Each structure stands twice: as C-alpha cells, then as structure tokens.
Amino acid sequence: MENHIFILFFIIGLIFGSFFVVVGLRLPKQESFGMDRSYCLCCNKHLQWYELIPVLSFIFLKGKCNNCNASISCQYPLVEIITGLLFAISYWFIGFNLELMIVLLLHSMLVIALVSDLTYMIIPNTLLLFFLPLFIILRSVEPLTPWWSPLIGGLAGLVIPLVIIIISRGGMGVGDAKLFALIGFVIGIKKLLLCFFLACILGAFLGLILIMLKQIKRKQPVPFVPAILLATWITYYFGDYMLDWYLSSFMFI
C-alpha cells in the first residue's frame, strides 16, 4: 500500500511540475497562467491535450513541436521529474500530516523559482507574496520548537544575504535574499544557517564546474536557485543529523 501511495504522489508531482513550468515561465512576464492553454514558444500554437502529458509527451514528440518542428526545452520533463520526486520523497519521509502540506508548498515555491531563475535570472515578488501568507498560517497551526525559531529564521534569511550583497556589491541577488527569508521562516533558524552554508558551497561548486566546462566565464552571474533548492532539500531531511554530528565532533561542550 505504501508503494502505491508513493507512486501516486510521484504522479501528482509530475502533473504539478508541468503546471509549475508554465507558472515559472509566464509569471515574470506577467502573463496569465490560469485558463490559457499552453503554447509553443516558437510558433505560438496552442498545444493539444496529448502534448501536455508530463514527460511522456516529450518522449512521444521526440522533443519537437508538431507544428513548427522546433526543439522543446528539456526543462519541461526535467522539472516534472524533479517535482514528482520531491513530492514522493516528502510523503515517504513525513507521511500524511500537516507538515507534509507545508513541505509540499515549500517545494512548489522552490520549483517555480527554479524555472524563473534558470530562464530569466529573476525570482518574482508575486511568487513569494503568494506563498508568504500560506506559510504564516500553516506555521501558526504547526509551529516549530521553539516557537520563535521561524521568526528569527526568516529575519536571518533576509539579513545575511543582504549583508553579503552589500559587501560583495551584487554577489547575490535580492530575490535570493527574499527567498531565503521564506525558507528560514519554514525551517527555523538552526536549519536556515546550515541551508545557507550548503547553498553557498553547492553554488560555488556548480559555478566551478560550468567554468571548467567553458559554459560560463569567470564572474558571470549563475542562477542560484538550483543550489538553494538542493540545499533546502538536504537540510530539511538530514539537517538534524548533520547538526548533531557537527556538534558532537567539533564542539567540546
């Protein structure tokens, strides 16, 4: 039974992931993503229902638009699979409870931000403002211990990146700071500090790989949300173990 529910959450994640790609692409351009049908970015042809099936449609169409034969970005199936895995793994670790809803919303926000950041190097304020009241309500009903941890985490998530932005004169985007503020509110101060540290390490590592592969030049801006998403995932599920290991190994108190 557990395996069936795991697969169900994966399928639900695939469906939502397909929608998140549309939101991430349209939100920065202030386009509607409600009732408007998806369309090819090259020929503007509205897609048929069979062209909207997550992952499978990309395979059936062989990555090409049926109308103009333009290549379809592999961003679609990748984001759909990532979202499916995030949803399924969240259920596997957490089970059915209110915390699962909080985590699914957190993953949803990060996936949409990922699409926008990879495409436009922008994290829309509209996206963050949509999720903020939801997190406030849910964290009020399902609080962390201590109760003030989300408040300090949200403040630290905003202030620490802003200080780095000021010192480095643009080494990080303001949108990243706002995103960290919401992440800090959800996961609390201790995990926020670990998340920020991991995101910086992962971001630097990703940038180094892209430079070695000659995909970017030195000092060229690189989307930071991929590192933030991975760091948040690691921190949420394994942060307590990592912090306990660190304190037991390096803190003599």
C-alpha atoms as a PDB file:
ATOM      1  CA  MET A   1       0.000   0.000   0.000  1.00  0.00           C
ATOM      2  CA  GLU A   2       2.829   2.380   0.891  1.00  0.00           C
ATOM      3  CA  ASN A   3       4.432   1.853  -2.522  1.00  0.00           C
ATOM      4  CA  HIS A   4       1.162   2.650  -4.268  1.00  0.00           C
ATOM      5  CA  ILE A   5       0.817   5.919  -2.381  1.00  0.00           C
ATOM      6  CA  PHE A   6       4.467   6.753  -3.109  1.00  0.00           C
ATOM      7  CA  ILE A   7       3.801   6.250  -6.845  1.00  0.00           C
ATOM      8  CA  LEU A   8       0.590   8.293  -6.571  1.00  0.00           C
ATOM      9  CA  PHE A   9       2.491  11.229  -5.074  1.00  0.00           C
ATOM     10  CA  PHE A  10       5.090  10.924  -7.816  1.00  0.00           C
ATOM     11  CA  ILE A  11       2.374  11.128 -10.486  1.00  0.00           C
ATOM     12  CA  ILE A  12       0.751  14.092  -8.715  1.00  0.00           C
ATOM     13  CA  GLY A  13       4.164  15.755  -8.638  1.00  0.00           C
ATOM     14  CA  LEU A  14       4.596  15.187 -12.375  1.00  0.00           C
ATOM     15  CA  ILE A  15       1.274  16.910 -13.058  1.00  0.00           C
ATOM     16  CA  PHE A  16       2.008  19.833 -10.758  1.00  0.00           C
ATOM     17  CA  GLY A  17       5.540  20.069 -12.160  1.00  0.00           C
ATOM     18  CA  SER A  18       4.118  20.596 -15.637  1.00  0.00           C
ATOM     19  CA  PHE A  19       1.986  23.441 -14.277  1.00  0.00           C
ATOM     20  CA  PHE A  20       4.923  24.909 -12.350  1.00  0.00           C
ATOM     21  CA  VAL A  21       6.935  25.204 -15.565  1.00  0.00           C
ATOM     22  CA  VAL A  22       4.136  27.267 -17.098  1.00  0.00           C
ATOM     23  CA  VAL A  23       3.909  29.473 -13.995  1.00  0.00           C
ATOM     24  CA  GLY A  24       7.678  29.947 -13.832  1.00  0.00           C
ATOM     25  CA  LEU A  25       7.831  30.954 -17.493  1.00  0.00           C
ATOM     26  CA  ARG A  26       4.806  33.250 -17.515  1.00  0.00           C
ATOM     27  CA  LEU A  27       4.879  34.906 -14.092  1.00  0.00           C
ATOM     28  CA  PRO A  28       7.960  37.114 -14.719  1.00  0.00           C
ATOM     29  CA  LYS A  29       6.339  38.270 -17.985  1.00  0.00           C
ATOM     30  CA  GLN A  30       3.056  38.908 -16.146  1.00  0.00           C
ATOM     31  CA  GLU A  31       1.214  36.562 -18.493  1.00  0.00           C
ATOM     32  CA  SER A  32      -1.895  34.682 -17.423  1.00  0.00           C
ATOM     33  CA  PHE A  33      -1.353  31.050 -16.473  1.00  0.00           C
ATOM     34  CA  GLY A  34      -4.869  30.232 -15.344  1.00  0.00           C
ATOM     35  CA  MET A  35      -7.268  29.172 -18.105  1.00  0.00           C
ATOM     36  CA  ASP A  36      -4.958  29.959 -21.016  1.00  0.00           C
ATOM     37  CA  ARG A  37      -3.723  26.848 -22.756  1.00  0.00           C
ATOM     38  CA  SER A  38      -0.023  26.153 -23.079  1.00  0.00           C
ATOM     39  CA  TYR A  39       1.543  27.068 -26.386  1.00  0.00           C
ATOM     40  CA  CYS A  40       4.747  26.564 -28.361  1.00  0.00           C
ATOM     41  CA  LEU A  41       7.181  29.385 -27.638  1.00  0.00           C
ATOM     42  CA  CYS A  42       8.312  29.420 -31.281  1.00  0.00           C
ATOM     43  CA  CYS A  43       5.086  29.280 -33.332  1.00  0.00           C
ATOM     44  CA  ASN A  44       2.567  30.202 -30.560  1.00  0.00           C
ATOM     45  CA  LYS A  45       0.409  27.198 -31.499  1.00  0.00           C
ATOM     46  CA  HIS A  46      -1.785  26.009 -28.631  1.00  0.00           C
ATOM     47  CA  LEU A  47      -0.864  22.502 -27.560  1.00  0.00           C
ATOM     48  CA  GLN A  48      -3.291  19.608 -27.799  1.00  0.00           C
ATOM     49  CA  TRP A  49      -4.183  17.509 -24.749  1.00  0.00           C
ATOM     50  CA  TYR A  50      -1.837  14.684 -25.735  1.00  0.00           C
ATOM     51  CA  GLU A  51       1.023  17.204 -25.940  1.00  0.00           C
ATOM     52  CA  LEU A  52       0.501  18.133 -22.288  1.00  0.00           C
ATOM     53  CA  ILE A  53       1.044  14.712 -20.709  1.00  0.00           C
ATOM     54  CA  PRO A  54       4.007  15.090 -18.312  1.00  0.00           C
ATOM     55  CA  VAL A  55       7.270  13.514 -19.549  1.00  0.00           C
ATOM     56  CA  LEU A  56       5.529  11.107 -21.948  1.00  0.00           C
ATOM     57  CA  SER A  57       4.526  13.861 -24.377  1.00  0.00           C
ATOM     58  CA  PHE A  58       8.183  14.958 -24.630  1.00  0.00           C
ATOM     59  CA  ILE A  59       9.168  11.372 -25.445  1.00  0.00           C
ATOM     60  CA  PHE A  60       6.357  10.809 -27.964  1.00  0.00           C
ATOM     61  CA  LEU A  61       7.079  14.107 -29.728  1.00  0.00           C
ATOM     62  CA  LYS A  62      10.836  13.359 -29.662  1.00  0.00           C
ATOM     63  CA  GLY A  63      11.485  16.813 -28.217  1.00  0.00           C
ATOM     64  CA  LYS A  64       9.998  18.595 -31.260  1.00  0.00           C
ATOM     65  CA  CYS A  65       6.933  20.767 -31.805  1.00  0.00           C
ATOM     66  CA  ASN A  66       4.429  19.023 -34.106  1.00  0.00           C
ATOM     67  CA  ASN A  67       3.665  22.290 -35.892  1.00  0.00           C
ATOM     68  CA  CYS A  68       6.999  24.034 -36.495  1.00  0.00           C
ATOM     69  CA  ASN A  69       9.430  21.206 -35.620  1.00  0.00           C
ATOM     70  CA  ALA A  70      11.192  23.496 -33.150  1.00  0.00           C
ATOM     71  CA  SER A  71      13.031  21.836 -30.280  1.00  0.00           C
ATOM     72  CA  ILE A  72      11.153  21.654 -26.998  1.00  0.00           C
ATOM     73  CA  SER A  73      13.224  22.597 -23.990  1.00  0.00           C
ATOM     74  CA  CYS A  74      14.231  19.604 -21.878  1.00  0.00           C
ATOM     75  CA  GLN A  75      13.394  21.862 -18.934  1.00  0.00           C
ATOM     76  CA  TYR A  76       9.818  20.544 -19.104  1.00  0.00           C
ATOM     77  CA  PRO A  77      10.452  16.834 -18.415  1.00  0.00           C
ATOM     78  CA  LEU A  78      13.322  17.560 -16.018  1.00  0.00           C
ATOM     79  CA  VAL A  79      11.245  19.892 -13.849  1.00  0.00           C
ATOM     80  CA  GLU A  80       8.313  17.467 -13.972  1.00  0.00           C
ATOM     81  CA  ILE A  81      10.519  14.578 -12.801  1.00  0.00           C
ATOM     82  CA  ILE A  82      12.166  16.705 -10.103  1.00  0.00           C
ATOM     83  CA  THR A  83       8.770  17.782  -8.773  1.00  0.00           C
ATOM     84  CA  GLY A  84       7.495  14.210  -8.870  1.00  0.00           C
ATOM     85  CA  LEU A  85      10.485  13.007  -6.857  1.00  0.00           C
ATOM     86  CA  LEU A  86      10.186  15.878  -4.354  1.00  0.00           C
ATOM     87  CA  PHE A  87       6.501  15.116  -3.756  1.00  0.00           C
ATOM     88  CA  ALA A  88       7.024  11.359  -3.464  1.00  0.00           C
ATOM     89  CA  ILE A  89      10.063  11.612  -1.183  1.00  0.00           C
ATOM     90  CA  SER A  90       8.246  14.137   1.020  1.00  0.00           C
ATOM     91  CA  TYR A  91       5.436  11.654   1.593  1.00  0.00           C
ATOM     92  CA  TRP A  92       7.953   8.850   2.180  1.00  0.00           C
ATOM     93  CA  PHE A  93       9.745  10.784   4.927  1.00  0.00           C
ATOM     94  CA  ILE A  94       6.826  12.624   6.513  1.00  0.00           C
ATOM     95  CA  GLY A  95       3.605  10.676   5.874  1.00  0.00           C
ATOM     96  CA  PHE A  96       0.114  12.150   5.952  1.00  0.00           C
ATOM     97  CA  ASN A  97       0.054  15.178   8.256  1.00  0.00           C
ATOM     98  CA  LEU A  98       0.008  18.964   8.195  1.00  0.00           C
ATOM     99  CA  GLU A  99       3.790  19.172   7.954  1.00  0.00           C
ATOM    100  CA  LEU A 100       3.562  17.358   4.614  1.00  0.00           C
ATOM    101  CA  MET A 101       1.420  20.196   3.249  1.00  0.00           C
ATOM    102  CA  ILE A 102       3.979  22.743   4.422  1.00  0.00           C
ATOM    103  CA  VAL A 103       6.838  20.879   2.764  1.00  0.00           C
ATOM    104  CA  LEU A 104       4.928  20.368  -0.492  1.00  0.00           C
ATOM    105  CA  LEU A 105       4.215  24.099  -0.617  1.00  0.00           C
ATOM    106  CA  LEU A 106       7.890  24.831   0.075  1.00  0.00           C
ATOM    107  CA  HIS A 107       8.970  22.521  -2.743  1.00  0.00           C
ATOM    108  CA  SER A 108       6.350  24.033  -5.068  1.00  0.00           C
ATOM    109  CA  MET A 109       7.643  27.544  -4.430  1.00  0.00           C
ATOM    110  CA  LEU A 110      11.242  26.466  -4.999  1.00  0.00           C
ATOM    111  CA  VAL A 111      10.448  24.632  -8.254  1.00  0.00           C
ATOM    112  CA  ILE A 112       8.629  27.654  -9.701  1.00  0.00           C
ATOM    113  CA  ALA A 113      11.516  29.892  -8.587  1.00  0.00           C
ATOM    114  CA  LEU A 114      13.921  27.419 -10.222  1.00  0.00           C
ATOM    115  CA  VAL A 115      12.198  27.760 -13.602  1.00  0.00           C
ATOM    116  CA  SER A 116      12.122  31.570 -13.399  1.00  0.00           C
ATOM    117  CA  ASP A 117      15.723  31.796 -12.259  1.00  0.00           C
ATOM    118  CA  LEU A 118      17.045  29.466 -14.935  1.00  0.00           C
ATOM    119  CA  THR A 119      15.089  31.260 -17.666  1.00  0.00           C
ATOM    120  CA  TYR A 120      15.195  34.937 -16.669  1.00  0.00           C
ATOM    121  CA  MET A 121      17.550  35.136 -13.634  1.00  0.00           C
ATOM    122  CA  ILE A 122      14.545  36.526 -11.735  1.00  0.00           C
ATOM    123  CA  ILE A 123      12.591  35.379  -8.675  1.00  0.00           C
ATOM    124  CA  PRO A 124       9.216  37.147  -8.981  1.00  0.00           C
ATOM    125  CA  ASN A 125       7.960  39.035  -5.922  1.00  0.00           C
ATOM    126  CA  THR A 126       4.446  37.864  -6.827  1.00  0.00           C
ATOM    127  CA  LEU A 127       5.524  34.281  -6.263  1.00  0.00           C
ATOM    128  CA  LEU A 128       6.942  34.978  -2.809  1.00  0.00           C
ATOM    129  CA  LEU A 129       3.957  37.106  -1.775  1.00  0.00           C
ATOM    130  CA  PHE A 130       1.605  34.291  -2.757  1.00  0.00           C
ATOM    131  CA  PHE A 131       3.314  31.715  -0.543  1.00  0.00           C
ATOM    132  CA  LEU A 132       4.099  34.005   2.431  1.00  0.00           C
ATOM    133  CA  PRO A 133       0.590  34.090   3.988  1.00  0.00           C
ATOM    134  CA  LEU A 134       0.218  30.340   3.437  1.00  0.00           C
ATOM    135  CA  PHE A 135       3.425  29.662   5.373  1.00  0.00           C
ATOM    136  CA  ILE A 136       2.402  32.078   8.145  1.00  0.00           C
ATOM    137  CA  ILE A 137      -0.966  30.359   8.598  1.00  0.00           C
ATOM    138  CA  LEU A 138       0.402  26.816   8.462  1.00  0.00           C
ATOM    139  CA  ARG A 139       3.362  27.537  10.753  1.00  0.00           C
ATOM    140  CA  SER A 140       0.923  29.069  13.247  1.00  0.00           C
ATOM    141  CA  VAL A 141      -1.047  25.822  13.286  1.00  0.00           C
ATOM    142  CA  GLU A 142       2.019  23.550  13.059  1.00  0.00           C
ATOM    143  CA  PRO A 143       4.729  25.525  14.931  1.00  0.00           C
ATOM    144  CA  LEU A 144       8.399  24.703  15.319  1.00  0.00           C
ATOM    145  CA  THR A 145      10.182  24.360  18.650  1.00  0.00           C
ATOM    146  CA  PRO A 146      10.967  26.909  19.976  1.00  0.00           C
ATOM    147  CA  TRP A 147       8.044  28.970  18.671  1.00  0.00           C
ATOM    148  CA  TRP A 148      10.256  31.946  17.797  1.00  0.00           C
ATOM    149  CA  SER A 149      12.580  29.918  15.546  1.00  0.00           C
ATOM    150  CA  PRO A 150      10.639  30.703  12.324  1.00  0.00           C
ATOM    151  CA  LEU A 151      10.671  34.435  13.102  1.00  0.00           C
ATOM    152  CA  ILE A 152      14.429  34.525  13.705  1.00  0.00           C
ATOM    153  CA  GLY A 153      14.993  32.183  10.774  1.00  0.00           C
ATOM    154  CA  GLY A 154      13.032  34.434   8.426  1.00  0.00           C
ATOM    155  CA  LEU A 155      14.877  37.530   9.640  1.00  0.00           C
ATOM    156  CA  ALA A 156      18.281  35.849   9.352  1.00  0.00           C
ATOM    157  CA  GLY A 157      17.387  34.516   5.919  1.00  0.00           C
ATOM    158  CA  LEU A 158      16.786  38.072   4.751  1.00  0.00           C
ATOM    159  CA  VAL A 159      19.567  39.924   6.595  1.00  0.00           C
ATOM    160  CA  ILE A 160      22.527  37.581   5.999  1.00  0.00           C
ATOM    161  CA  PRO A 161      22.209  37.568   2.182  1.00  0.00           C
ATOM    162  CA  LEU A 162      21.593  41.335   2.160  1.00  0.00           C
ATOM    163  CA  VAL A 163      24.837  41.896   4.085  1.00  0.00           C
ATOM    164  CA  ILE A 164      26.675  39.727   1.545  1.00  0.00           C
ATOM    165  CA  ILE A 165      25.055  41.676  -1.310  1.00  0.00           C
ATOM    166  CA  ILE A 166      26.233  44.964   0.197  1.00  0.00           C
ATOM    167  CA  ILE A 167      29.766  43.735   0.922  1.00  0.00           C
ATOM    168  CA  SER A 168      30.236  41.969  -2.416  1.00  0.00           C
ATOM    169  CA  ARG A 169      28.350  44.652  -4.358  1.00  0.00           C
ATOM    170  CA  GLY A 170      25.982  42.278  -6.070  1.00  0.00           C
ATOM    171  CA  GLY A 171      27.467  38.842  -5.387  1.00  0.00           C
ATOM    172  CA  MET A 172      23.937  37.610  -4.779  1.00  0.00           C
ATOM    173  CA  GLY A 173      20.509  38.747  -5.942  1.00  0.00           C
ATOM    174  CA  VAL A 174      17.939  40.473  -3.741  1.00  0.00           C
ATOM    175  CA  GLY A 175      15.422  37.877  -4.902  1.00  0.00           C
ATOM    176  CA  ASP A 176      17.641  35.186  -3.371  1.00  0.00           C
ATOM    177  CA  ALA A 177      17.554  37.040  -0.046  1.00  0.00           C
ATOM    178  CA  LYS A 178      13.752  37.198  -0.099  1.00  0.00           C
ATOM    179  CA  LEU A 179      13.607  33.510  -0.966  1.00  0.00           C
ATOM    180  CA  PHE A 180      15.923  32.642   1.928  1.00  0.00           C
ATOM    181  CA  ALA A 181      13.656  34.679   4.228  1.00  0.00           C
ATOM    182  CA  LEU A 182      10.695  32.436   3.416  1.00  0.00           C
ATOM    183  CA  ILE A 183      12.822  29.301   3.671  1.00  0.00           C
ATOM    184  CA  GLY A 184      14.092  30.439   7.071  1.00  0.00           C
ATOM    185  CA  PHE A 185      10.556  31.015   8.274  1.00  0.00           C
ATOM    186  CA  VAL A 186       9.587  27.465   7.279  1.00  0.00           C
ATOM    187  CA  ILE A 187      12.608  25.538   8.586  1.00  0.00           C
ATOM    188  CA  GLY A 188      13.728  27.742  11.508  1.00  0.00           C
ATOM    189  CA  ILE A 189      16.963  29.469  12.427  1.00  0.00           C
ATOM    190  CA  LYS A 190      19.297  26.487  13.003  1.00  0.00           C
ATOM    191  CA  LYS A 191      18.477  24.776   9.744  1.00  0.00           C
ATOM    192  CA  LEU A 192      18.457  28.104   7.885  1.00  0.00           C
ATOM    193  CA  LEU A 193      22.097  28.707   8.798  1.00  0.00           C
ATOM    194  CA  LEU A 194      23.021  25.220   7.602  1.00  0.00           C
ATOM    195  CA  CYS A 195      20.937  25.651   4.450  1.00  0.00           C
ATOM    196  CA  PHE A 196      22.618  28.946   3.596  1.00  0.00           C
ATOM    197  CA  PHE A 197      26.076  27.449   4.126  1.00  0.00           C
ATOM    198  CA  LEU A 198      25.279  24.423   1.947  1.00  0.00           C
ATOM    199  CA  ALA A 199      23.732  26.600  -0.774  1.00  0.00           C
ATOM    200  CA  CYS A 200      26.887  28.719  -0.973  1.00  0.00           C
ATOM    201  CA  ILE A 201      29.095  25.613  -1.186  1.00  0.00           C
ATOM    202  CA  LEU A 202      26.884  23.973  -3.811  1.00  0.00           C
ATOM    203  CA  GLY A 203      26.581  27.219  -5.789  1.00  0.00           C
ATOM    204  CA  ALA A 204      30.347  27.679  -5.855  1.00  0.00           C
ATOM    205  CA  PHE A 205      30.833  24.046  -6.880  1.00  0.00           C
ATOM    206  CA  LEU A 206      28.275  24.362  -9.679  1.00  0.00           C
ATOM    207  CA  GLY A 207      29.887  27.575 -10.911  1.00  0.00           C
ATOM    208  CA  LEU A 208      33.323  25.937 -10.904  1.00  0.00           C
ATOM    209  CA  ILE A 209      32.047  23.006 -12.970  1.00  0.00           C
ATOM    210  CA  LEU A 210      30.410  25.342 -15.502  1.00  0.00           C
ATOM    211  CA  ILE A 211      33.647  27.323 -15.801  1.00  0.00           C
ATOM    212  CA  MET A 212      35.683  24.140 -16.307  1.00  0.00           C
ATOM    213  CA  LEU A 213      33.215  23.030 -18.984  1.00  0.00           C
ATOM    214  CA  LYS A 214      33.516  26.506 -20.536  1.00  0.00           C
ATOM    215  CA  GLN A 215      29.764  27.063 -20.273  1.00  0.00           C
ATOM    216  CA  ILE A 216      30.256  30.385 -18.499  1.00  0.00           C
ATOM    217  CA  LYS A 217      33.044  32.878 -17.972  1.00  0.00           C
ATOM    218  CA  ARG A 218      34.545  33.955 -14.655  1.00  0.00           C
ATOM    219  CA  LYS A 219      32.392  36.442 -12.708  1.00  0.00           C
ATOM    220  CA  GLN A 220      29.445  35.681 -14.988  1.00  0.00           C
ATOM    221  CA  PRO A 221      26.182  35.508 -12.986  1.00  0.00           C
ATOM    222  CA  VAL A 222      24.880  31.999 -12.415  1.00  0.00           C
ATOM    223  CA  PRO A 223      21.336  31.076 -11.275  1.00  0.00           C
ATOM    224  CA  PHE A 224      21.497  30.409  -7.536  1.00  0.00           C
ATOM    225  CA  VAL A 225      18.110  28.725  -7.038  1.00  0.00           C
ATOM    226  CA  PRO A 226      19.321  25.251  -8.148  1.00  0.00           C
ATOM    227  CA  ALA A 227      21.796  25.303  -5.261  1.00  0.00           C
ATOM    228  CA  ILE A 228      19.180  26.730  -2.890  1.00  0.00           C
ATOM    229  CA  LEU A 229      16.669  24.018  -3.792  1.00  0.00           C
ATOM    230  CA  LEU A 230      19.173  21.200  -3.281  1.00  0.00           C
ATOM    231  CA  ALA A 231      20.483  22.734  -0.049  1.00  0.00           C
ATOM    232  CA  THR A 232      16.942  23.158   1.300  1.00  0.00           C
ATOM    233  CA  TRP A 233      16.104  19.533   0.497  1.00  0.00           C
ATOM    234  CA  ILE A 234      19.257  18.239   2.197  1.00  0.00           C
ATOM    235  CA  THR A 235      18.771  20.479   5.212  1.00  0.00           C
ATOM    236  CA  TYR A 236      15.110  19.705   5.765  1.00  0.00           C
ATOM    237  CA  TYR A 237      15.520  15.929   5.781  1.00  0.00           C
ATOM    238  CA  PHE A 238      19.069  15.492   7.044  1.00  0.00           C
ATOM    239  CA  GLY A 239      19.814  18.785   8.802  1.00  0.00           C
ATOM    240  CA  ASP A 240      19.257  17.453  12.336  1.00  0.00           C
ATOM    241  CA  TYR A 241      21.669  14.570  11.751  1.00  0.00           C
ATOM    242  CA  MET A 242      24.261  16.887  10.221  1.00  0.00           C
ATOM    243  CA  LEU A 243      23.992  19.392  13.063  1.00  0.00           C
ATOM    244  CA  ASP A 244      24.178  16.655  15.728  1.00  0.00           C
ATOM    245  CA  TRP A 245      27.242  15.171  14.020  1.00  0.00           C
ATOM    246  CA  TYR A 246      28.925  18.567  13.839  1.00  0.00           C
ATOM    247  CA  LEU A 247      28.218  19.442  17.476  1.00  0.00           C
ATOM    248  CA  SER A 248      29.362  16.040  18.718  1.00  0.00           C
ATOM    249  CA  SER A 249      32.521  16.038  16.593  1.00  0.00           C
ATOM    250  CA  PHE A 250      33.763  19.622  16.794  1.00  0.00           C
ATOM    251  CA  MET A 251      32.109  21.266  19.793  1.00  0.00           C
ATOM    252  CA  PHE A 252      33.701  20.462  23.146  1.00  0.00           C
ATOM    253  CA  ILE A 253      30.768  21.418  25.338  1.00  0.00           C
END
